[in-house]
C-alpha atoms as a PDB file:
ATOM      1  CA  MET A   1      11.745   8.448  -6.640  1.00  0.00           C
ATOM      2  CA  GLU A   2      14.023   7.109  -3.073  1.00  0.00           C
ATOM      3  CA  LEU A   3      12.169   8.108   0.100  1.00  0.00           C
ATOM      4  CA  LYS A   4      15.947   8.030   1.745  1.00  0.00           C
ATOM      5  CA  GLY A   5      16.347  11.633   3.042  1.00  0.00           C
ATOM      6  CA  LYS A   6      12.986  12.850   1.783  1.00  0.00           C
ATOM      7  CA  GLN A   7      10.644  15.223   4.432  1.00  0.00           C
ATOM      8  CA  ILE A   8       7.473  13.669   5.243  1.00  0.00           C
ATOM      9  CA  GLY A   9       4.995  14.390   7.798  1.00  0.00           C
ATOM     10  CA  VAL A  10       2.323  12.039   8.374  1.00  0.00           C
ATOM     11  CA  ALA A  11      -1.020  13.320   9.837  1.00  0.00           C
ATOM     12  CA  ILE A  12      -2.918  11.519  12.395  1.00  0.00           C
ATOM     13  CA  THR A  13      -6.484  12.066  12.883  1.00  0.00           C
ATOM     14  CA  GLY A  14      -8.622  10.035  15.070  1.00  0.00           C
ATOM     15  CA  SER A  15     -10.263   6.811  12.609  1.00  0.00           C
ATOM     16  CA  PHE A  16      -8.548   4.864  15.461  1.00  0.00           C
ATOM     17  CA  CYS A  17      -9.311   1.431  14.494  1.00  0.00           C
ATOM     18  CA  THR A  18      -6.751   1.923  11.339  1.00  0.00           C
ATOM     19  CA  TYR A  19      -4.032   2.436  13.907  1.00  0.00           C
ATOM     20  CA  LYS A  20      -2.222  -1.136  13.911  1.00  0.00           C
ATOM     21  CA  LYS A  21      -1.200  -0.911   9.466  1.00  0.00           C
ATOM     22  CA  LEU A  22      -0.879   3.403  10.486  1.00  0.00           C
ATOM     23  CA  PHE A  23       2.262   2.041  12.555  1.00  0.00           C
ATOM     24  CA  THR A  24       3.603  -0.811  10.464  1.00  0.00           C
ATOM     25  CA  GLU A  25       3.355   1.917   7.938  1.00  0.00           C
ATOM     26  CA  LEU A  26       5.149   4.809   9.769  1.00  0.00           C
ATOM     27  CA  GLU A  27       7.887   1.894  10.411  1.00  0.00           C
ATOM     28  CA  ASN A  28       7.776   1.202   6.975  1.00  0.00           C
ATOM     29  CA  LEU A  29       8.584   5.159   6.107  1.00  0.00           C
ATOM     30  CA  VAL A  30      11.552   5.190   8.475  1.00  0.00           C
ATOM     31  CA  LEU A  31      13.324   1.984   7.349  1.00  0.00           C
ATOM     32  CA  GLU A  32      12.899   3.156   3.734  1.00  0.00           C
ATOM     33  CA  GLY A  33      15.214   6.077   4.761  1.00  0.00           C
ATOM     34  CA  ALA A  34      12.444   9.022   5.366  1.00  0.00           C
ATOM     35  CA  GLU A  35      12.971  11.580   7.591  1.00  0.00           C
ATOM     36  CA  VAL A  36       9.521  11.102   9.173  1.00  0.00           C
ATOM     37  CA  GLN A  37       7.452  14.032  11.694  1.00  0.00           C
ATOM     38  CA  THR A  38       4.271  13.560  12.956  1.00  0.00           C
ATOM     39  CA  ILE A  39       1.639  15.917  13.694  1.00  0.00           C
ATOM     40  CA  PHE A  40      -1.578  14.284  15.610  1.00  0.00           C
ATOM     41  CA  SER A  41      -4.892  16.058  15.479  1.00  0.00           C
ATOM     42  CA  ASN A  42      -6.759  17.037  18.914  1.00  0.00           C
ATOM     43  CA  SER A  43      -8.734  13.570  18.938  1.00  0.00           C
ATOM     44  CA  ALA A  44      -5.498  11.958  17.888  1.00  0.00           C
ATOM     45  CA  GLN A  45      -3.897  12.843  20.990  1.00  0.00           C
ATOM     46  CA  LYS A  46      -6.500  13.089  23.458  1.00  0.00           C
ATOM     47  CA  THR A  47      -8.760  10.221  22.885  1.00  0.00           C
ATOM     48  CA  ASP A  48      -8.585   6.804  24.235  1.00  0.00           C
ATOM     49  CA  SER A  49     -10.453   4.252  22.582  1.00  0.00           C
ATOM     50  CA  ARG A  50     -10.984   0.146  22.700  1.00  0.00           C
ATOM     51  CA  PHE A  51      -7.828   0.224  20.003  1.00  0.00           C
ATOM     52  CA  GLY A  52      -5.660   2.302  22.339  1.00  0.00           C
ATOM     53  CA  ASN A  53      -4.776   5.152  24.832  1.00  0.00           C
ATOM     54  CA  ALA A  54      -4.194   8.025  23.304  1.00  0.00           C
ATOM     55  CA  GLU A  55      -0.530   8.932  25.462  1.00  0.00           C
ATOM     56  CA  ASP A  56       0.491   4.916  24.201  1.00  0.00           C
ATOM     57  CA  PHE A  57      -0.043   6.307  20.562  1.00  0.00           C
ATOM     58  CA  VAL A  58       2.175   9.893  20.877  1.00  0.00           C
ATOM     59  CA  LYS A  59       4.719   7.864  22.914  1.00  0.00           C
ATOM     60  CA  ARG A  60       5.236   5.283  19.877  1.00  0.00           C
ATOM     61  CA  ALA A  61       5.011   7.469  16.968  1.00  0.00           C
ATOM     62  CA  GLU A  62       8.128   9.676  18.672  1.00  0.00           C
ATOM     63  CA  GLU A  63       9.716   6.333  19.353  1.00  0.00           C
ATOM     64  CA  ILE A  64       9.270   5.140  15.507  1.00  0.00           C
ATOM     65  CA  THR A  65      10.340   8.858  14.092  1.00  0.00           C
ATOM     66  CA  GLY A  66      13.109  10.126  17.143  1.00  0.00           C
ATOM     67  CA  LYS A  67      10.859  13.731  17.393  1.00  0.00           C
ATOM     68  CA  LYS A  68       8.504  15.019  19.325  1.00  0.00           C
ATOM     69  CA  ILE A  69       4.526  15.241  18.047  1.00  0.00           C
ATOM     70  CA  MET A  70       3.356  18.641  16.553  1.00  0.00           C
ATOM     71  CA  LYS A  71       0.048  19.325  18.346  1.00  0.00           C
ATOM     72  CA  THR A  72      -1.159  22.674  17.839  1.00  0.00           C
ATOM     73  CA  ILE A  73      -1.872  24.378  15.398  1.00  0.00           C
ATOM     74  CA  ALA A  74       1.012  27.103  16.295  1.00  0.00           C
ATOM     75  CA  GLN A  75       3.630  24.208  15.850  1.00  0.00           C
ATOM     76  CA  ALA A  76       2.053  22.803  12.371  1.00  0.00           C
ATOM     77  CA  GLU A  77       1.497  26.374  10.920  1.00  0.00           C
ATOM     78  CA  PRO A  78       5.861  26.630  10.218  1.00  0.00           C
ATOM     79  CA  ILE A  79       5.420  23.507   7.573  1.00  0.00           C
ATOM     80  CA  GLY A  80       4.547  26.035   5.156  1.00  0.00           C
ATOM     81  CA  PRO A  81       6.363  29.288   5.864  1.00  0.00           C
ATOM     82  CA  LYS A  82       9.767  27.287   6.847  1.00  0.00           C
ATOM     83  CA  ASN A  83       9.104  25.185   3.665  1.00  0.00           C
ATOM     84  CA  LEU A  84       9.398  21.686   6.226  1.00  0.00           C
ATOM     85  CA  LEU A  85       7.851  19.069   4.049  1.00  0.00           C
ATOM     86  CA  ASP A  86       8.562  17.459   1.184  1.00  0.00           C
ATOM     87  CA  LEU A  87       5.236  15.256   1.057  1.00  0.00           C
ATOM     88  CA  LEU A  88       2.725  15.382   3.946  1.00  0.00           C
ATOM     89  CA  ILE A  89       0.403  12.337   4.635  1.00  0.00           C
ATOM     90  CA  ILE A  90      -2.666  12.303   6.414  1.00  0.00           C
ATOM     91  CA  MET A  91      -3.437   8.630   7.552  1.00  0.00           C
ATOM     92  CA  PRO A  92      -6.347   7.836   8.556  1.00  0.00           C
ATOM     93  CA  CYS A  93      -7.656  10.510   6.314  1.00  0.00           C
ATOM     94  CA  THR A  94     -11.330  10.885   7.675  1.00  0.00           C
ATOM     95  CA  GLY A  95     -15.025  11.766   6.943  1.00  0.00           C
ATOM     96  CA  ASN A  96     -14.582  14.884   9.159  1.00  0.00           C
ATOM     97  CA  THR A  97     -11.347  15.511   7.890  1.00  0.00           C
ATOM     98  CA  ILE A  98     -11.635  15.287   4.155  1.00  0.00           C
ATOM     99  CA  ALA A  99     -14.972  17.490   4.331  1.00  0.00           C
ATOM    100  CA  LYS A 100     -12.997  20.123   5.747  1.00  0.00           C
ATOM    101  CA  LEU A 101     -10.044  19.977   3.536  1.00  0.00           C
ATOM    102  CA  ALA A 102     -11.959  19.970   0.616  1.00  0.00           C
ATOM    103  CA  ASN A 103     -14.404  23.370   2.337  1.00  0.00           C
ATOM    104  CA  GLY A 104     -10.574  25.297   3.102  1.00  0.00           C
ATOM    105  CA  ILE A 105     -11.148  24.906   7.013  1.00  0.00           C
ATOM    106  CA  ALA A 106      -8.065  24.823   9.047  1.00  0.00           C
ATOM    107  CA  ASP A 107      -9.087  24.527  12.724  1.00  0.00           C
ATOM    108  CA  THR A 108      -6.730  21.753  13.518  1.00  0.00           C
ATOM    109  CA  PRO A 109      -3.031  21.184  13.842  1.00  0.00           C
ATOM    110  CA  VAL A 110      -3.430  18.380  10.794  1.00  0.00           C
ATOM    111  CA  LEU A 111      -5.785  20.936   8.919  1.00  0.00           C
ATOM    112  CA  MET A 112      -3.510  23.329   9.571  1.00  0.00           C
ATOM    113  CA  ALA A 113      -0.318  21.304   8.340  1.00  0.00           C
ATOM    114  CA  ALA A 114      -2.567  20.594   5.333  1.00  0.00           C
ATOM    115  CA  LYS A 115      -2.969  24.352   4.104  1.00  0.00           C
ATOM    116  CA  ALA A 116       0.522  25.263   5.367  1.00  0.00           C
ATOM    117  CA  HIS A 117       1.985  22.297   3.112  1.00  0.00           C
ATOM    118  CA  LEU A 118       0.056  23.095   0.098  1.00  0.00           C
ATOM    119  CA  ARG A 119       1.039  26.803  -0.045  1.00  0.00           C
ATOM    120  CA  ASN A 120       4.435  25.104  -1.176  1.00  0.00           C
ATOM    121  CA  GLU A 121       2.841  23.335  -4.107  1.00  0.00           C
ATOM    122  CA  LYS A 122       3.943  20.081  -2.541  1.00  0.00           C
ATOM    123  CA  PRO A 123       1.851  17.086  -2.718  1.00  0.00           C
ATOM    124  CA  LEU A 124      -0.303  16.233   0.114  1.00  0.00           C
ATOM    125  CA  LEU A 125      -1.275  12.446  -0.196  1.00  0.00           C
ATOM    126  CA  LEU A 126      -4.303  11.193   1.585  1.00  0.00           C
ATOM    127  CA  SER A 127      -5.032   7.911   3.053  1.00  0.00           C
ATOM    128  CA  ILE A 128      -8.314   8.155   3.500  1.00  0.00           C
ATOM    129  CA  SER A 129     -10.552   5.838   6.384  1.00  0.00           C
ATOM    130  CA  THR A 130     -14.712   7.075   6.408  1.00  0.00           C
ATOM    131  CA  ASN A 131     -17.735   5.151   6.645  1.00  0.00           C
ATOM    132  CA  ASP A 132     -19.305   7.816   4.347  1.00  0.00           C
ATOM    133  CA  ALA A 133     -17.192   7.766   1.319  1.00  0.00           C
ATOM    134  CA  LEU A 134     -19.780   6.330  -1.071  1.00  0.00           C
ATOM    135  CA  GLY A 135     -22.262   9.096   0.816  1.00  0.00           C
ATOM    136  CA  MET A 136     -22.282  12.337   2.008  1.00  0.00           C
ATOM    137  CA  ASN A 137     -18.651  12.627   1.692  1.00  0.00           C
ATOM    138  CA  MET A 138     -18.225  11.626  -2.197  1.00  0.00           C
ATOM    139  CA  LYS A 139     -18.399  15.251  -3.311  1.00  0.00           C
ATOM    140  CA  ASN A 140     -15.347  16.552  -1.072  1.00  0.00           C
ATOM    141  CA  ILE A 141     -13.615  13.131  -1.823  1.00  0.00           C
ATOM    142  CA  GLY A 142     -14.542  14.343  -5.824  1.00  0.00           C
ATOM    143  CA  LEU A 143     -13.595  17.813  -5.009  1.00  0.00           C
ATOM    144  CA  LEU A 144     -10.037  16.940  -3.685  1.00  0.00           C
ATOM    145  CA  MET A 145      -9.444  13.725  -6.588  1.00  0.00           C
ATOM    146  CA  ASN A 146      -9.610  17.190  -8.851  1.00  0.00           C
ATOM    147  CA  ALA A 147      -7.725  19.445  -6.420  1.00  0.00           C
ATOM    148  CA  LYS A 148      -3.900  20.405  -7.991  1.00  0.00           C
ATOM    149  CA  ASN A 149      -1.173  18.593  -5.692  1.00  0.00           C
ATOM    150  CA  ILE A 150      -3.724  15.967  -3.483  1.00  0.00           C
ATOM    151  CA  TYR A 151      -3.262  12.470  -3.776  1.00  0.00           C
ATOM    152  CA  PHE A 152      -4.927   9.242  -2.850  1.00  0.00           C
ATOM    153  CA  VAL A 153      -3.618   5.782  -1.708  1.00  0.00           C
ATOM    154  CA  PRO A 154      -5.770   3.380  -3.498  1.00  0.00           C
ATOM    155  CA  PHE A 155      -8.921   2.393  -1.837  1.00  0.00           C
ATOM    156  CA  GLY A 156     -11.778   0.633  -1.977  1.00  0.00           C
ATOM    157  CA  GLN A 157     -14.891  -0.637  -0.129  1.00  0.00           C
ATOM    158  CA  ASP A 158     -14.038  -2.367   2.967  1.00  0.00           C
ATOM    159  CA  ASN A 159     -17.098  -4.019   4.203  1.00  0.00           C
ATOM    160  CA  ALA A 160     -19.882  -3.600   1.272  1.00  0.00           C
ATOM    161  CA  GLU A 161     -22.597  -5.850   3.399  1.00  0.00           C
ATOM    162  CA  LYS A 162     -22.197  -3.961   6.504  1.00  0.00           C
ATOM    163  CA  LYS A 163     -21.512  -1.053   5.537  1.00  0.00           C
ATOM    164  CA  PRO A 164     -21.888  -0.377   1.889  1.00  0.00           C
ATOM    165  CA  ASN A 165     -21.125   3.498   2.507  1.00  0.00           C
ATOM    166  CA  SER A 166     -17.374   3.206   3.797  1.00  0.00           C
ATOM    167  CA  MET A 167     -14.684   3.021   2.279  1.00  0.00           C
ATOM    168  CA  ILE A 168     -10.843   2.686   3.440  1.00  0.00           C
ATOM    169  CA  ALA A 169      -7.112   3.086   2.058  1.00  0.00           C
ATOM    170  CA  HIS A 170      -5.081  -0.228   1.002  1.00  0.00           C
ATOM    171  CA  THR A 171      -2.024   1.381   3.206  1.00  0.00           C
ATOM    172  CA  ASN A 172       0.053  -1.698   1.739  1.00  0.00           C
ATOM    173  CA  LEU A 173       0.085   0.175  -0.686  1.00  0.00           C
ATOM    174  CA  LEU A 174       1.590   3.614   1.378  1.00  0.00           C
ATOM    175  CA  ILE A 175       5.004   3.461  -0.114  1.00  0.00           C
ATOM    176  CA  PRO A 176       4.597   3.571  -4.115  1.00  0.00           C
ATOM    177  CA  ALA A 177       1.580   5.506  -3.670  1.00  0.00           C
ATOM    178  CA  ALA A 178       4.252   8.602  -1.861  1.00  0.00           C
ATOM    179  CA  LYS A 179       6.461   7.475  -4.451  1.00  0.00           C
ATOM    180  CA  ALA A 180       4.428   8.940  -6.605  1.00  0.00           C
ATOM    181  CA  ALA A 181       2.939  11.650  -5.187  1.00  0.00           C
ATOM    182  CA  LEU A 182       6.499  12.820  -4.709  1.00  0.00           C
ATOM    183  CA  GLU A 183       6.449  12.779  -8.406  1.00  0.00           C
ATOM    184  CA  GLY A 184       3.559  14.802  -9.208  1.00  0.00           C
ATOM    185  CA  LYS A 185       1.261  11.402  -9.912  1.00  0.00           C
ATOM    186  CA  GLN A 186      -1.541   9.350  -8.296  1.00  0.00           C
ATOM    187  CA  TYR A 187      -0.640   6.109  -8.027  1.00  0.00           C
ATOM    188  CA  GLN A 188      -3.172   3.667 -10.140  1.00  0.00           C
ATOM    189  CA  PRO A 189      -5.558   2.133  -9.825  1.00  0.00           C
ATOM    190  CA  ILE A 190      -6.495   4.408  -7.749  1.00  0.00           C
ATOM    191  CA  ILE A 191     -10.235   2.418  -6.504  1.00  0.00           C
ATOM    192  CA  GLN A 192      -9.366  -0.973  -5.938  1.00  0.00           C
END
């Protein structure tokens, strides 16, 4: 499956430590020929951190994609009825986002985008980044792994000694995982 001409949404949440890899993969999606629309969570669009300023992140996403970000629930909702996307990627997908998605909560632009997109029975690809994947959020990850049309970028522990419950996606596998998801397949192995 080629990504050229595919309409791909990239929904960005607040795991700021992953943003360097995020923007590399955003550029790679565009280089593959995808038409990319970013959706920023409330935290992603407003929170400055030691990893950078929110305003700079928004500007960079807009420069890479050539499109204004979606930043409100009202802007994200038409993704469903207007059938705007072939694939939606949540990257990074935090523990908070995982928990809300698993429990049907759509109270941010990112979660509304996911809900709206899934109503069209199209693939949702999660690139997780959470300190509690092997803790309280394991049950939510398990629920999502068994949900129709939800796929994962392969992931693994990022620092088993200092953060034994933490897992992070191998974002270098985003492109092949996206291609597989568009074909209705989970890229394997999922845990690496």
